[in-house]
Each structure stands twice: as structure tokens, then as C-alpha cells.
Amino acid sequence: MPRATNAPASRERRKRWLEKAKGFRGRRSKLYRYAKDALFKAQTWAYRDRKTRKRNFRYLWIQRINAAARANGLTYSRFMEGLKAAGITLDRKVLADLAATQSAAFAAVASQAKAALPSPANA
């Protein structure tokens, strides 16, 4: 009895890997063995860097908020403390966008936060 090779299924499977590797350079896009290795590595980096991107954006938002808060006479931590005391619930992404694009709106939010802060004499 002849040996079954599962040829159609394995060829289809290899074709799927090579389709995913389109755009890679050289043998990484042409040969199954190298394409498979390249894709494993690419997927590993993609998973890692999705987390890194979130981290980097959070750092950027905090820097933008801090710069705008300092322009309005507050520090980042005091500004966030004032927002909490005033009952204003805006996330960092929205606050950073306000700071970068609508400075007048951010100044209004900052003045509310400053007013809600306890005075230093009472603290």
C-alpha cells in the first residue's frame, strides 16, 4: 500500500504561511522554512510592541499634560489631584489632546482643578 503524504493539505498550509510572509525580503518571502521562522519572530515582536506602544503613548500623554499644567501654574500631580477633588473624570488621552490642540479649554479645566485644591495653609 502506498504511503499517504497529505499533499493537498500540507501544500495549502505552506501556501498560507508564504502568503503571510509577503513583503519580507529575499528567501524569507519565497521559501517555506525561512518564511515560517520569520513569521514566528515577527509575531513575537508584534505582540511585545503592542504593549510597548500603549506604554509609550501613556508617557507622551503625561508629558503633554505636565507641560500644559505647568503653563497654567500647576504640576502634573497637583493638577490630577485637583481634577479628582473637583470631580472631573477625563482620562489622560483626552486631557493630552486638550492640552495639545485646545489650550483655552485645558486652561479652563486647569482653573477648575486649581480652585478645587485645598489651600497650602490648610494642608
Protein backbone atom coordinates (compact mmCIF):
# COMPACT_ATOMS: atom_id res chain seq x y z
CA MET A 1 0.00 0.00 0.00
CA PRO A 2 1.46 3.41 -0.95
CA ARG A 3 2.36 5.96 1.69
CA ALA A 4 -0.15 8.77 2.14
CA THR A 5 1.56 12.17 2.02
CA ASN A 6 -1.31 14.51 2.82
CA ALA A 7 -0.04 16.57 -0.11
CA PRO A 8 -3.03 18.88 -0.79
CA ALA A 9 -3.43 19.85 2.86
CA SER A 10 0.28 20.40 3.54
CA ARG A 11 0.71 22.38 0.31
CA GLU A 12 -2.24 24.58 1.29
CA ARG A 13 -0.79 25.06 4.76
CA ARG A 14 2.60 26.08 3.35
CA LYS A 15 0.90 28.41 0.91
CA ARG A 16 -0.87 30.15 3.80
CA TRP A 17 2.47 30.77 5.55
CA LEU A 18 4.02 32.13 2.37
CA GLU A 19 1.03 34.43 1.83
CA LYS A 20 1.54 35.88 5.33
CA ALA A 21 5.25 36.39 4.58
CA LYS A 22 4.59 38.53 1.50
CA GLY A 23 6.59 41.71 1.72
CA PHE A 24 9.51 40.14 3.54
CA ARG A 25 12.87 40.37 1.76
CA GLY A 26 14.59 37.57 -0.11
CA ARG A 27 14.17 33.96 0.88
CA ARG A 28 12.07 34.97 3.89
CA SER A 29 9.17 35.52 1.48
CA LYS A 30 9.93 32.73 -1.02
CA LEU A 31 10.90 29.62 0.93
CA TYR A 32 8.59 27.98 3.45
CA ARG A 33 11.24 27.15 6.05
CA TYR A 34 12.59 30.70 6.26
CA ALA A 35 9.16 32.30 5.97
CA LYS A 36 7.91 30.26 8.92
CA ASP A 37 10.87 31.33 11.10
CA ALA A 38 10.48 34.97 10.05
CA LEU A 39 6.76 34.92 10.85
CA PHE A 40 7.29 33.41 14.29
CA LYS A 41 9.76 36.15 15.09
CA ALA A 42 7.55 38.88 13.57
CA GLN A 43 4.54 37.73 15.58
CA THR A 44 6.60 37.69 18.77
CA TRP A 45 7.74 41.26 18.20
CA ALA A 46 4.26 42.40 17.23
CA TYR A 47 2.82 41.04 20.49
CA ARG A 48 5.59 42.70 22.53
CA ASP A 49 5.34 46.02 20.73
CA ARG A 50 1.58 46.31 21.06
CA LYS A 51 2.21 46.56 24.79
CA THR A 52 5.17 48.92 24.29
CA ARG A 53 3.07 51.24 22.13
CA LYS A 54 0.49 51.59 24.91
CA ARG A 55 3.27 52.37 27.39
CA ASN A 56 4.84 54.97 25.10
CA PHE A 57 1.54 56.74 24.49
CA ARG A 58 0.89 56.91 28.22
CA TYR A 59 4.32 58.54 28.75
CA LEU A 60 3.58 61.01 25.94
CA TRP A 61 0.19 61.95 27.37
CA ILE A 62 1.66 62.52 30.82
CA GLN A 63 4.39 64.76 29.38
CA ARG A 64 1.87 66.84 27.43
CA ILE A 65 -0.41 67.23 30.44
CA ASN A 66 2.53 68.16 32.66
CA ALA A 67 3.77 70.81 30.21
CA ALA A 68 0.31 72.35 29.88
CA ALA A 69 -0.31 72.17 33.63
CA ARG A 70 2.98 73.96 34.34
CA ALA A 71 1.99 76.65 31.84
CA ASN A 72 -1.12 77.14 33.98
CA GLY A 73 0.76 77.28 37.28
CA LEU A 74 0.36 73.66 38.43
CA THR A 75 2.41 70.50 38.38
CA TYR A 76 1.11 67.27 36.89
CA SER A 77 0.44 65.62 40.24
CA ARG A 78 -1.28 68.69 41.71
CA PHE A 79 -3.33 69.07 38.53
CA MET A 80 -4.51 65.45 38.70
CA GLU A 81 -5.21 65.84 42.42
CA GLY A 82 -7.30 68.94 41.66
CA LEU A 83 -9.24 67.11 38.96
CA LYS A 84 -10.08 64.36 41.41
CA ALA A 85 -11.15 66.89 44.05
CA ALA A 86 -13.29 68.76 41.51
CA GLY A 87 -14.97 65.54 40.41
CA ILE A 88 -13.79 65.89 36.80
CA THR A 89 -13.31 62.50 35.16
CA LEU A 90 -11.26 62.91 32.00
CA ASP A 91 -8.67 60.32 31.06
CA ARG A 92 -5.09 61.14 30.17
CA LYS A 93 -5.67 60.70 26.45
CA VAL A 94 -8.41 63.32 26.36
CA LEU A 95 -6.51 65.70 28.63
CA ALA A 96 -3.39 65.42 26.46
CA ASP A 97 -5.45 66.12 23.35
CA LEU A 98 -6.96 69.19 25.01
CA ALA A 99 -3.51 70.36 26.05
CA ALA A 100 -2.09 69.95 22.54
CA THR A 101 -4.99 71.24 20.44
CA GLN A 102 -7.27 73.40 22.61
CA SER A 103 -5.21 75.28 25.15
CA ALA A 104 -8.12 77.53 26.18
CA ALA A 105 -10.24 74.52 27.11
CA PHE A 106 -7.34 73.00 29.02
CA ALA A 107 -6.83 76.31 30.85
CA ALA A 108 -10.49 76.24 31.90
CA VAL A 109 -10.12 72.70 33.24
CA ALA A 110 -6.88 73.69 34.99
CA SER A 111 -8.55 76.65 36.68
CA GLN A 112 -11.31 74.37 37.98
CA ALA A 113 -8.70 71.93 39.24
CA LYS A 114 -6.75 74.73 40.91
CA ALA A 115 -9.89 76.04 42.61
CA ALA A 116 -10.75 72.58 43.93
CA LEU A 117 -7.32 72.09 45.53
CA PRO A 118 -7.07 72.71 49.27
CA SER A 119 -5.00 75.78 50.07
CA PRO A 120 -1.40 75.09 51.22
CA ALA A 121 -2.12 76.69 54.63
CA ASN A 122 -4.81 74.10 55.37
CA ALA A 123 -2.80 71.17 54.11
